[in-house]
Amino acid sequence: MWDLVTAGKVALTLIVGLVSVVAGRALSCRRRRYRFSSADLSDADLEPASLRGSEDRLAQGLRIPTVSTSRDDPPPREQLLRYHQHLRDSFPTVFSSHAVTVEVVNELSLLLTVAGSEPQLSPYLLLSHMDVVPVVEEHWSWPPFDGLVQDGYIIGRGAIDVKQTTHAILESLERRLLAGDLPRRPLIVALGHDEEVSGREGAARIGHLLEQRGARPLFVLDEGITLMQGFFPGVRQPLAVVGVSEKGYLALEVTARGQAGHSSIPPVPTAVGRLARAVNRLHADPQPVLFGRGPEMELLRVMGPVASPPFRLVYANLWLFGAVLKRAFLKNPALRASVQTTTAVTVLRGGYKENVVPAHASAIINHRISPLQDRDDVMACDRNAISDPEMEFEVLHHSPASPISPYGEDDAPFGLLAGTVRQLYGDDVLTAPAVMVANTDTRHYLHLTDNVYRFNPIVLRPDQLGMFHGNDERISVENYHNCIRFYYRLMKNMESDAVVAQMP
C-alpha cells in the first residue's frame, strides 16, 4: 500500500510539474523581435486620394489576354506588346523619367533600373510577371478578360496572379516620381513575360544580364505566399507567410517492359501489370515526411504568442505536441506538401489496340522536391518503393529546390519585410517563413543573392485559394490598394537612415 501511495504521489508530482512547464512556456512565449522597429522605418504612406483610379488601370490591364499556354508554344507576342503599351500609358512618369532606364529584354520582358541619389548604396530587386494562365470561360461567372470593377472587386484573369503586383510596383514608383521624390537607393524592377511556362526566355535572360553587369541586390522579392487569414487554428488575425525557399521540380518517365502478345493468351507478367504495380507502390510508400526539420517549425513558434489559449499551449510547446501537429499537417494537403516531396502520376501510356498486350508501358511521375532533399534522394526513394530492378527511369525535367533564405530575428531583409507588414496591417499581424510549394521566377535570380523571398502582400482566406489558376479570379479594391501601399512603404523603408546603416 505504501508503494502505491508513494507511486501516486510521484505521478502527481510529475503531472503537476509537466503542467507547470507547459503553462509556463505558453505564458512566457514572446513575439519575434525582428531587426527593425517601427522607429527605424519611414512613416511615409500614400493618401487614399492618390490611390483613386489605380483599380481602373489594373482592370484595363486584365483585359489584355497575355496567356502563356505551354513552354513548347510561342508566347502571346501581340498581346504582350499591347500590355507593354498599356503600362507605358498608365505610368507615363516611370517610363519617361530620366531616373529610370527601361530595357526590353528578349523582345518581350521589361527591365527597369531606377537610379538612386546615392548610387553607392546596394540595390534591391523587385520581380513580377506579365503573363497569365489559360481559362475555361464556361466555368467563370464573369467574362475572364473583361476587366470588371464591380461590387468592390477587380475581376479578371491575373487579378491575384500576378498583374496586381506588376501594377502595384509601378503605381508606387509613379506616385513617387510624380511628387519629385527620387529614390535614395537604386532599385531594379524585372517583369518577365513567360513565368507561367518556366521563365526561360524572360526571367532567365534578365538574370543572366544582371549577372553580366555584376548586379548584387541586397534581396529579391517576388510573388509568393500571402497574408493568410483563417488558415491556422486559434489564430484570428492574418499571418504574413513569406516563402523563404521553393520546392524543386522533377519529372520522371518510368517504363516497364515485357513480352508482347495476344490478349487471349496474355504473357505473365505484362508490362501494363508491372507498371500498375509500380504506380500503386509509389503511392503506398511515398517520400519521407520531413516535418520538424524545415521553416514550418518557426511558423508554428511565431503563432504561439498570438494564438487563443488552448492553441497557445500547443504552439508554445512543440517539444511535447510535435507529433500531434505532424498528424495535423499530414491531414491537410497544402500543409503536407510543405513538409514532404510530393508524388503525382500525371500521364500513363500503354497499349494501342484493345486485344493486343503491349511490350512496354510508361508513366510520368511529377515530384515537387523538398529543399531538404535532392534529385538523387527522391529517385532512390522511388526505386526502393517500386522494388523492381528492371524498371527503367528517365529524367525528363529537373530543377533543384532553392536554398533556404535567412529568416532569423537578426536577418535584416526578412526583418524589413516583417516591419513593413506590421506598419501596414498593425502590430498584431506577424510574419513567418514557409516553403513555397509552387515555382516562381526567383529560380533565375538565385545566383545574385542569398536573400530571396516570395510574398504576395494581399490577404486571402482558405476559400479564395482556388482562384489561383482557377475560376472567378478577383481581388478586392481595398486589398489591391494595400498591395500598392506595401510596395510604396517598402521603397521608403529601404531609404530610412536605420535601414541604410544596416544594409548599405
Protein backbone atom coordinates (compact mmCIF):
# COMPACT_ATOMS: atom_id res chain seq x y z
CA MET A 1 0.00 0.00 0.00
CA TRP A 2 2.86 2.34 0.90
CA ASP A 3 4.41 1.71 -2.52
CA LEU A 4 1.16 2.55 -4.30
CA VAL A 5 0.74 5.75 -2.29
CA THR A 6 4.31 6.74 -2.99
CA ALA A 7 3.92 5.96 -6.68
CA GLY A 8 0.74 8.02 -6.76
CA LYS A 9 2.47 10.98 -5.15
CA VAL A 10 5.36 10.74 -7.57
CA ALA A 11 2.99 10.52 -10.54
CA LEU A 12 1.02 13.52 -9.27
CA THR A 13 4.21 15.49 -8.78
CA LEU A 14 5.32 14.69 -12.33
CA ILE A 15 1.93 15.67 -13.74
CA VAL A 16 1.89 18.94 -11.83
CA GLY A 17 5.42 19.62 -12.95
CA LEU A 18 4.58 18.89 -16.57
CA VAL A 19 1.50 21.13 -16.46
CA SER A 20 3.55 23.88 -14.86
CA VAL A 21 6.20 23.66 -17.58
CA VAL A 22 3.62 23.64 -20.39
CA ALA A 23 1.66 26.54 -18.91
CA GLY A 24 4.81 28.46 -18.11
CA ARG A 25 6.11 28.18 -21.66
CA ALA A 26 2.73 29.29 -23.01
CA LEU A 27 2.65 32.33 -20.73
CA SER A 28 6.23 33.32 -21.36
CA CYS A 29 6.46 32.82 -25.12
CA ARG A 30 7.22 36.13 -26.78
CA ARG A 31 6.70 37.64 -30.16
CA ARG A 32 9.60 37.66 -32.57
CA ARG A 33 11.62 40.87 -32.41
CA TYR A 34 12.96 41.36 -35.89
CA ARG A 35 15.81 43.63 -36.86
CA PHE A 36 13.85 46.84 -37.41
CA SER A 37 11.38 48.50 -35.06
CA SER A 38 8.74 51.00 -36.17
CA ALA A 39 11.07 53.79 -35.10
CA ASP A 40 13.68 52.56 -37.59
CA LEU A 41 11.31 52.74 -40.56
CA SER A 42 9.83 55.54 -42.62
CA ASP A 43 6.37 56.78 -41.64
CA ALA A 44 5.55 57.81 -45.21
CA ASP A 45 2.34 56.42 -46.70
CA LEU A 46 0.10 57.12 -49.65
CA GLU A 47 -3.00 59.23 -49.17
CA PRO A 48 -6.26 57.48 -50.15
CA ALA A 49 -6.90 60.12 -52.81
CA SER A 50 -3.68 59.18 -54.59
CA LEU A 51 -4.92 55.60 -55.00
CA ARG A 52 -8.11 56.54 -56.85
CA GLY A 53 -8.09 55.26 -60.40
CA SER A 54 -5.49 52.57 -59.73
CA GLU A 55 -8.17 49.89 -59.79
CA ASP A 56 -9.28 51.02 -63.25
CA ARG A 57 -5.73 50.86 -64.57
CA LEU A 58 -5.38 47.31 -63.27
CA ALA A 59 -8.77 46.35 -64.73
CA GLN A 60 -7.67 47.65 -68.13
CA GLY A 61 -4.53 45.54 -67.88
CA LEU A 62 -6.65 42.46 -67.14
CA ARG A 63 -8.47 43.00 -70.45
CA ILE A 64 -5.31 42.09 -72.36
CA PRO A 65 -5.11 38.24 -72.57
CA THR A 66 -1.37 37.69 -72.15
CA VAL A 67 -1.92 33.93 -71.91
CA SER A 68 1.01 31.52 -71.81
CA THR A 69 -0.08 28.03 -72.84
CA SER A 70 2.99 25.78 -72.73
CA ARG A 71 6.75 26.01 -72.95
CA ASP A 72 6.56 24.47 -76.44
CA ASP A 73 4.17 27.11 -77.81
CA PRO A 74 5.21 30.62 -78.89
CA PRO A 75 4.47 33.44 -76.43
CA PRO A 76 1.44 35.71 -76.98
CA ARG A 77 3.63 38.32 -78.63
CA GLU A 78 0.94 40.71 -79.86
CA GLN A 79 -0.88 40.74 -76.52
CA LEU A 80 2.32 41.22 -74.54
CA LEU A 81 3.27 44.20 -76.69
CA ARG A 82 -0.22 45.63 -76.14
CA TYR A 83 0.31 45.18 -72.41
CA HIS A 84 3.68 46.96 -72.63
CA GLN A 85 1.93 49.91 -74.21
CA HIS A 86 -0.76 49.83 -71.53
CA LEU A 87 1.91 50.04 -68.85
CA ARG A 88 3.58 52.96 -70.63
CA ASP A 89 0.24 54.75 -70.94
CA SER A 90 -0.72 54.04 -67.31
CA PHE A 91 2.62 55.07 -65.79
CA PRO A 92 3.99 57.77 -68.10
CA THR A 93 6.29 59.30 -65.49
CA VAL A 94 8.02 55.99 -64.78
CA PHE A 95 8.61 55.29 -68.46
CA SER A 96 9.80 58.81 -69.30
CA SER A 97 11.79 59.74 -66.19
CA HIS A 98 15.50 60.49 -66.59
CA ALA A 99 15.97 58.47 -63.37
CA VAL A 100 14.59 55.26 -64.93
CA THR A 101 16.34 53.21 -67.59
CA VAL A 102 13.82 50.99 -69.40
CA GLU A 103 15.08 47.99 -71.36
CA VAL A 104 13.19 45.40 -73.36
CA VAL A 105 14.89 42.04 -72.84
CA ASN A 106 14.45 39.29 -75.43
CA GLU A 107 11.77 41.40 -77.13
CA LEU A 108 9.01 40.78 -74.55
CA SER A 109 10.31 41.18 -70.97
CA LEU A 110 10.93 44.50 -69.25
CA LEU A 111 13.83 45.58 -67.04
CA LEU A 112 13.62 48.92 -65.24
CA THR A 113 16.64 50.28 -63.42
CA VAL A 114 15.90 53.22 -61.13
CA ALA A 115 18.92 55.36 -60.31
CA GLY A 116 19.40 56.34 -56.68
CA SER A 117 20.59 59.71 -55.46
CA GLU A 118 23.22 57.74 -53.51
CA PRO A 119 24.42 55.29 -56.16
CA GLN A 120 26.98 53.72 -53.82
CA LEU A 121 24.12 52.05 -51.91
CA SER A 122 23.33 48.47 -52.88
CA PRO A 123 20.17 47.99 -54.95
CA TYR A 124 17.28 45.63 -54.32
CA LEU A 125 15.30 43.70 -56.90
CA LEU A 126 11.52 43.50 -57.23
CA LEU A 127 10.06 40.87 -59.54
CA SER A 128 6.70 40.26 -61.17
CA HIS A 129 5.48 38.83 -64.45
CA MET A 130 3.09 39.87 -67.19
CA ASP A 131 1.72 36.55 -68.47
CA VAL A 132 -1.27 34.62 -67.14
CA VAL A 133 -2.55 31.06 -67.37
CA PRO A 134 -5.38 29.91 -69.68
CA VAL A 135 -9.04 29.94 -68.65
CA VAL A 136 -12.08 27.74 -69.16
CA GLU A 137 -14.57 30.51 -69.88
CA GLU A 138 -17.73 28.48 -69.28
CA HIS A 139 -16.67 27.94 -65.67
CA TRP A 140 -16.45 31.66 -64.92
CA SER A 141 -19.29 33.79 -63.54
CA TRP A 142 -17.92 36.79 -65.45
CA PRO A 143 -16.02 37.06 -68.73
CA PRO A 144 -12.41 36.45 -67.64
CA PHE A 145 -10.90 39.15 -69.85
CA ASP A 146 -13.49 41.91 -69.44
CA GLY A 147 -11.51 43.55 -66.62
CA LEU A 148 -14.50 44.49 -64.48
CA VAL A 149 -14.57 46.72 -61.40
CA GLN A 150 -17.76 45.63 -59.70
CA ASP A 151 -19.11 45.49 -56.13
CA GLY A 152 -15.76 46.44 -54.65
CA TYR A 153 -13.74 43.89 -56.66
CA ILE A 154 -11.43 43.94 -59.66
CA ILE A 155 -12.30 40.84 -61.67
CA GLY A 156 -10.33 39.00 -64.32
CA ARG A 157 -7.54 36.57 -65.05
CA GLY A 158 -4.36 37.91 -63.48
CA ALA A 159 -6.06 39.82 -60.64
CA ILE A 160 -4.07 37.90 -57.99
CA ASP A 161 -1.56 36.05 -60.20
CA VAL A 162 0.04 38.50 -60.61
CA LYS A 163 -0.74 41.56 -62.65
CA GLN A 164 -1.76 43.22 -59.40
CA THR A 165 1.89 43.07 -58.30
CA THR A 166 3.18 44.39 -61.63
CA HIS A 167 0.80 47.33 -61.36
CA ALA A 168 1.33 47.88 -57.63
CA ILE A 169 5.11 48.25 -58.04
CA LEU A 170 4.69 50.69 -60.91
CA GLU A 171 1.88 52.62 -59.15
CA SER A 172 4.17 53.12 -56.15
CA LEU A 173 7.05 54.28 -58.29
CA GLU A 174 4.79 56.57 -60.36
CA ARG A 175 3.47 58.26 -57.22
CA ARG A 176 7.00 58.92 -56.01
CA LEU A 177 8.33 60.28 -59.27
CA LEU A 178 5.27 62.48 -59.80
CA ALA A 179 5.93 64.05 -56.41
CA GLY A 180 9.58 64.62 -57.28
CA ASP A 181 10.56 62.06 -54.64
CA LEU A 182 13.58 60.49 -56.31
CA PRO A 183 14.75 57.28 -54.61
CA ARG A 184 17.80 57.46 -52.39
CA ARG A 185 18.78 53.85 -53.15
CA PRO A 186 18.96 52.21 -56.63
CA LEU A 187 16.07 49.87 -57.44
CA ILE A 188 15.70 47.21 -60.11
CA VAL A 189 12.30 46.02 -61.36
CA ALA A 190 12.18 42.91 -63.55
CA LEU A 191 8.94 41.95 -65.33
CA GLY A 192 9.12 38.59 -67.07
CA HIS A 193 6.86 37.51 -69.92
CA ASP A 194 6.77 33.70 -69.54
CA GLU A 195 6.81 32.83 -65.84
CA GLU A 196 3.79 30.57 -66.22
CA VAL A 197 5.78 28.33 -68.59
CA SER A 198 9.13 28.31 -66.73
CA GLY A 199 10.54 31.81 -67.33
CA ARG A 200 13.35 30.52 -69.54
CA GLU A 201 13.02 33.25 -72.15
CA GLY A 202 12.15 36.10 -69.81
CA ALA A 203 13.43 35.99 -66.23
CA ALA A 204 16.32 33.68 -67.12
CA ARG A 205 17.57 36.18 -69.73
CA ILE A 206 17.20 39.08 -67.28
CA GLY A 207 19.00 37.15 -64.55
CA HIS A 208 21.88 36.40 -66.92
CA LEU A 209 22.05 40.06 -67.99
CA LEU A 210 22.17 41.27 -64.39
CA GLU A 211 24.89 38.76 -63.58
CA GLN A 212 26.97 40.01 -66.51
CA ARG A 213 26.63 43.54 -65.16
CA GLY A 214 27.78 42.47 -61.70
CA ALA A 215 24.45 43.25 -60.00
CA ARG A 216 24.37 42.13 -56.37
CA PRO A 217 21.00 43.11 -54.93
CA LEU A 218 20.51 43.08 -51.17
CA PHE A 219 17.45 40.91 -51.67
CA VAL A 220 15.00 39.68 -54.28
CA LEU A 221 11.24 39.88 -53.69
CA ASP A 222 8.81 38.09 -55.98
CA GLU A 223 5.26 36.76 -55.90
CA GLY A 224 4.61 34.08 -53.33
CA ILE A 225 2.57 33.22 -50.26
CA THR A 226 0.09 35.74 -48.89
CA LEU A 227 -1.28 37.13 -45.66
CA MET A 228 -3.27 34.07 -44.68
CA GLN A 229 -6.44 34.61 -42.64
CA GLY A 230 -8.37 31.71 -41.14
CA PHE A 231 -5.83 29.07 -42.12
CA PHE A 232 -4.38 28.30 -38.71
CA PRO A 233 -6.49 27.12 -35.75
CA GLY A 234 -6.55 29.54 -32.87
CA VAL A 235 -5.06 32.44 -34.83
CA ARG A 236 -7.62 35.13 -35.57
CA GLN A 237 -5.54 37.77 -37.35
CA PRO A 238 -3.87 37.33 -40.73
CA LEU A 239 -0.40 35.81 -40.70
CA ALA A 240 2.04 37.11 -43.30
CA VAL A 241 3.71 33.98 -44.64
CA VAL A 242 6.87 34.60 -46.65
CA GLY A 243 8.33 31.90 -48.87
CA VAL A 244 12.00 31.52 -47.91
CA SER A 245 12.51 28.64 -50.32
CA GLU A 246 10.62 26.94 -53.09
CA LYS A 247 10.39 23.32 -53.99
CA GLY A 248 12.31 21.76 -56.82
CA TYR A 249 10.82 20.06 -59.83
CA LEU A 250 11.40 16.54 -61.13
CA ALA A 251 9.54 14.81 -63.95
CA LEU A 252 10.44 11.14 -64.39
CA GLU A 253 9.31 8.68 -67.01
CA VAL A 254 9.11 5.19 -65.54
CA THR A 255 8.91 2.38 -68.11
CA ALA A 256 8.07 -1.28 -67.71
CA ARG A 257 8.90 -3.75 -70.47
CA GLY A 258 7.52 -7.19 -71.11
CA GLN A 259 6.53 -9.64 -73.78
CA ALA A 260 4.02 -8.52 -76.39
CA GLY A 261 1.22 -10.88 -77.27
CA HIS A 262 -2.43 -11.50 -77.95
CA SER A 263 -4.87 -10.72 -75.18
CA SER A 264 -6.40 -14.22 -75.46
CA ILE A 265 -3.16 -15.76 -74.17
CA PRO A 266 -1.54 -12.91 -72.18
CA PRO A 267 2.04 -13.29 -71.02
CA VAL A 268 2.76 -13.18 -67.31
CA PRO A 269 3.62 -10.61 -66.13
CA THR A 270 2.57 -7.94 -68.61
CA ALA A 271 4.26 -4.57 -68.95
CA VAL A 272 0.98 -2.86 -68.03
CA GLY A 273 0.60 -5.05 -64.95
CA ARG A 274 4.14 -4.31 -63.79
CA LEU A 275 3.60 -0.59 -64.31
CA ALA A 276 0.30 -0.65 -62.41
CA ARG A 277 2.00 -2.40 -59.51
CA ALA A 278 4.81 0.18 -59.56
CA VAL A 279 2.38 3.11 -59.50
CA ASN A 280 0.45 1.55 -56.65
CA ARG A 281 3.64 1.05 -54.65
CA LEU A 282 4.71 4.66 -55.22
CA HIS A 283 1.52 5.91 -53.63
CA ALA A 284 1.57 3.30 -50.86
CA ASP A 285 5.16 4.19 -49.89
CA PRO A 286 5.54 7.95 -50.54
CA GLN A 287 8.55 10.17 -49.97
CA PRO A 288 9.57 10.71 -46.32
CA VAL A 289 7.79 13.28 -44.18
CA LEU A 290 10.31 15.94 -43.11
CA PHE A 291 8.19 17.74 -40.53
CA GLY A 292 10.30 19.37 -37.85
CA ARG A 293 13.36 19.98 -39.99
CA GLY A 294 12.28 23.00 -42.04
CA PRO A 295 10.83 26.52 -41.73
CA GLU A 296 7.44 25.16 -40.64
CA MET A 297 8.72 24.97 -37.06
CA GLU A 298 9.42 28.69 -36.97
CA LEU A 299 5.96 29.34 -38.46
CA LEU A 300 4.40 27.39 -35.57
CA ARG A 301 6.53 29.19 -32.98
CA VAL A 302 5.53 32.58 -34.37
CA MET A 303 1.86 31.74 -33.87
CA GLY A 304 2.30 30.87 -30.17
CA PRO A 305 2.13 34.37 -28.65
CA VAL A 306 -0.99 35.39 -30.60
CA ALA A 307 -2.98 32.13 -30.55
CA SER A 308 -6.05 31.68 -28.37
CA PRO A 309 -5.34 29.89 -25.03
CA PRO A 310 -5.83 26.20 -25.95
CA PHE A 311 -3.79 26.54 -29.14
CA ARG A 312 -1.19 28.73 -27.46
CA LEU A 313 -0.35 25.78 -25.21
CA VAL A 314 0.26 23.66 -28.31
CA TYR A 315 2.25 26.16 -30.38
CA ALA A 316 4.41 27.15 -27.40
CA ASN A 317 5.28 23.52 -26.58
CA LEU A 318 6.35 21.94 -29.83
CA TRP A 319 8.65 19.59 -27.90
CA LEU A 320 5.51 17.99 -26.42
CA PHE A 321 2.88 18.42 -29.13
CA GLY A 322 5.06 18.00 -32.22
CA ALA A 323 3.60 14.59 -33.03
CA VAL A 324 0.06 15.99 -32.82
CA LEU A 325 0.92 18.85 -35.16
CA LYS A 326 2.66 16.49 -37.55
CA ARG A 327 -0.56 14.47 -37.87
CA ALA A 328 -2.50 17.71 -38.45
CA PHE A 329 -0.08 18.70 -41.23
CA LEU A 330 -0.44 15.32 -42.90
CA LYS A 331 -4.24 15.57 -42.98
CA ASN A 332 -4.13 18.88 -44.85
CA PRO A 333 -2.92 18.51 -48.46
CA ALA A 334 -1.47 22.02 -48.64
CA LEU A 335 0.38 21.72 -45.32
CA ARG A 336 1.53 18.20 -46.15
CA ALA A 337 3.06 19.47 -49.38
CA SER A 338 5.17 21.92 -47.37
CA VAL A 339 6.88 19.14 -45.39
CA GLN A 340 7.24 16.41 -47.99
CA THR A 341 8.36 15.85 -51.55
CA THR A 342 5.06 15.27 -53.33
CA THR A 343 4.42 12.48 -55.81
CA ALA A 344 1.81 12.64 -58.57
CA VAL A 345 1.35 10.27 -61.51
CA THR A 346 0.25 12.62 -64.27
CA VAL A 347 0.49 10.65 -67.54
CA LEU A 348 0.02 6.95 -68.34
CA ARG A 349 0.91 5.39 -71.69
CA GLY A 350 0.37 1.78 -72.67
CA GLY A 351 -1.38 -0.21 -75.36
CA TYR A 352 -2.55 0.78 -78.82
CA LYS A 353 -5.22 -1.85 -79.54
CA GLU A 354 -7.80 -3.42 -77.28
CA ASN A 355 -6.80 -7.04 -77.98
CA VAL A 356 -3.00 -6.60 -78.07
CA VAL A 357 -0.81 -6.84 -74.99
CA PRO A 358 1.82 -4.07 -75.38
CA ALA A 359 5.52 -4.73 -74.98
CA HIS A 360 6.02 -1.62 -72.86
CA ALA A 361 4.06 0.80 -70.72
CA SER A 362 5.16 4.01 -69.07
CA ALA A 363 4.09 6.62 -66.54
CA ILE A 364 5.26 10.17 -65.93
CA ILE A 365 5.84 10.88 -62.26
CA ASN A 366 5.85 14.52 -61.18
CA HIS A 367 7.70 15.34 -57.97
CA ARG A 368 7.94 18.70 -56.22
CA ILE A 369 11.16 18.31 -54.27
CA SER A 370 11.55 19.49 -50.69
CA PRO A 371 14.51 21.84 -50.12
CA LEU A 372 15.75 19.20 -47.67
CA GLN A 373 16.19 16.65 -50.47
CA ASP A 374 17.83 16.47 -53.87
CA ARG A 375 17.10 14.58 -57.08
CA ASP A 376 19.15 11.53 -56.12
CA ASP A 377 17.38 11.24 -52.76
CA VAL A 378 13.98 11.29 -54.46
CA MET A 379 14.88 8.78 -57.16
CA ALA A 380 16.39 6.41 -54.58
CA CYS A 381 13.12 6.53 -52.61
CA ASP A 382 11.16 5.81 -55.81
CA ARG A 383 13.33 2.83 -56.72
CA ASN A 384 13.07 1.46 -53.21
CA ALA A 385 9.28 1.84 -53.17
CA ILE A 386 8.77 0.25 -56.59
CA SER A 387 11.21 -2.57 -55.75
CA ASP A 388 11.57 -3.72 -59.35
CA PRO A 389 15.19 -3.60 -60.56
CA GLU A 390 14.12 -3.97 -64.19
CA MET A 391 12.02 -0.82 -64.16
CA GLU A 392 13.59 1.94 -66.28
CA PHE A 393 13.86 5.55 -65.07
CA GLU A 394 14.43 8.57 -67.30
CA VAL A 395 14.70 12.16 -66.08
CA LEU A 396 12.59 14.38 -68.33
CA HIS A 397 12.88 17.71 -66.50
CA HIS A 398 14.63 18.72 -63.33
CA SER A 399 15.30 21.88 -61.37
CA PRO A 400 16.58 21.67 -57.80
CA ALA A 401 14.84 23.17 -54.81
CA SER A 402 16.11 26.62 -53.93
CA PRO A 403 18.29 27.22 -50.87
CA ILE A 404 16.51 28.35 -47.72
CA SER A 405 16.98 32.10 -47.32
CA PRO A 406 17.71 33.59 -43.86
CA TYR A 407 14.67 34.31 -41.70
CA GLY A 408 16.01 34.82 -38.17
CA GLU A 409 15.37 37.77 -35.90
CA ASP A 410 18.76 39.26 -36.82
CA ASP A 411 18.37 38.87 -40.59
CA ALA A 412 17.85 42.37 -41.96
CA PRO A 413 15.97 41.73 -45.25
CA PHE A 414 13.44 39.39 -43.62
CA GLY A 415 13.07 41.82 -40.73
CA LEU A 416 12.43 44.65 -43.18
CA LEU A 417 9.56 42.70 -44.78
CA ALA A 418 8.14 41.91 -41.34
CA GLY A 419 8.38 45.56 -40.31
CA THR A 420 6.67 46.76 -43.48
CA VAL A 421 3.82 44.28 -42.97
CA ARG A 422 3.43 45.43 -39.37
CA GLN A 423 3.29 49.08 -40.44
CA LEU A 424 0.54 48.39 -42.92
CA TYR A 425 -1.62 45.85 -41.12
CA GLY A 426 -0.93 46.55 -37.45
CA ASP A 427 1.29 45.18 -34.68
CA ASP A 428 -0.88 42.09 -34.24
CA VAL A 429 -0.07 40.85 -37.75
CA LEU A 430 3.08 38.76 -37.57
CA THR A 431 5.40 37.44 -40.25
CA ALA A 432 6.58 33.84 -40.55
CA PRO A 433 8.63 31.76 -43.00
CA ALA A 434 7.47 28.78 -45.04
CA VAL A 435 8.37 26.72 -48.09
CA MET A 436 6.69 27.81 -51.33
CA VAL A 437 5.23 24.68 -52.92
CA ALA A 438 4.94 26.18 -56.41
CA ASN A 439 7.71 27.61 -58.59
CA THR A 440 8.38 31.26 -59.41
CA ASP A 441 10.81 33.32 -61.47
CA THR A 442 13.10 33.56 -58.43
CA ARG A 443 14.85 30.38 -59.62
CA HIS A 444 16.55 32.52 -62.27
CA TYR A 445 18.00 35.01 -59.76
CA LEU A 446 19.38 32.71 -57.05
CA HIS A 447 22.94 33.38 -58.18
CA LEU A 448 22.64 37.11 -57.41
CA THR A 449 21.95 37.00 -53.65
CA ASP A 450 21.30 34.65 -50.73
CA ASN A 451 18.24 36.67 -49.70
CA VAL A 452 15.39 35.56 -51.97
CA TYR A 453 11.80 35.95 -50.73
CA ARG A 454 8.39 35.15 -52.15
CA PHE A 455 5.47 37.18 -50.82
CA ASN A 456 2.20 38.45 -52.27
CA PRO A 457 1.08 41.29 -49.95
CA ILE A 458 -2.65 40.61 -50.09
CA VAL A 459 -4.98 38.99 -47.55
CA LEU A 460 -6.62 35.71 -48.56
CA ARG A 461 -8.97 33.25 -46.84
CA PRO A 462 -8.95 29.47 -47.40
CA ASP A 463 -11.98 29.64 -49.70
CA GLN A 464 -10.14 32.06 -52.00
CA LEU A 465 -7.08 29.90 -52.73
CA GLY A 466 -8.91 28.20 -55.60
CA MET A 467 -8.72 31.43 -57.59
CA PHE A 468 -5.02 30.82 -58.27
CA HIS A 469 -5.06 29.30 -61.77
CA GLY A 470 -8.77 28.71 -61.15
CA ASN A 471 -12.09 30.37 -61.87
CA ASP A 472 -13.55 33.79 -60.98
CA GLU A 473 -10.16 35.29 -60.12
CA ARG A 474 -10.60 38.65 -58.41
CA ILE A 475 -9.16 40.99 -55.80
CA SER A 476 -10.96 43.49 -53.61
CA VAL A 477 -10.18 47.12 -54.28
CA GLU A 478 -9.12 47.50 -50.64
CA ASN A 479 -6.76 44.54 -50.95
CA TYR A 480 -5.23 45.98 -54.11
CA HIS A 481 -4.81 49.43 -52.60
CA ASN A 482 -2.98 47.85 -49.65
CA CYS A 483 -0.76 45.99 -52.11
CA ILE A 484 0.27 49.33 -53.62
CA ARG A 485 0.85 50.80 -50.15
CA PHE A 486 3.03 47.83 -49.22
CA TYR A 487 5.42 48.44 -52.11
CA TYR A 488 5.42 52.19 -51.51
CA ARG A 489 6.28 51.70 -47.84
CA LEU A 490 8.90 49.09 -48.70
CA MET A 491 10.61 51.51 -51.08
CA LYS A 492 10.57 54.28 -48.48
CA ASN A 493 11.76 51.96 -45.72
CA MET A 494 14.75 50.92 -47.81
CA GLU A 495 15.86 54.55 -47.67
CA SER A 496 15.47 55.21 -43.95
CA ASP A 497 18.69 56.05 -42.10
CA ALA A 498 18.47 52.99 -39.83
CA VAL A 499 17.99 50.61 -42.74
CA VAL A 500 20.75 52.24 -44.80
CA ALA A 501 23.08 51.94 -41.83
CA GLN A 502 22.46 48.21 -41.55
CA MET A 503 22.05 47.44 -45.25
CA PRO A 504 24.34 49.92 -47.04
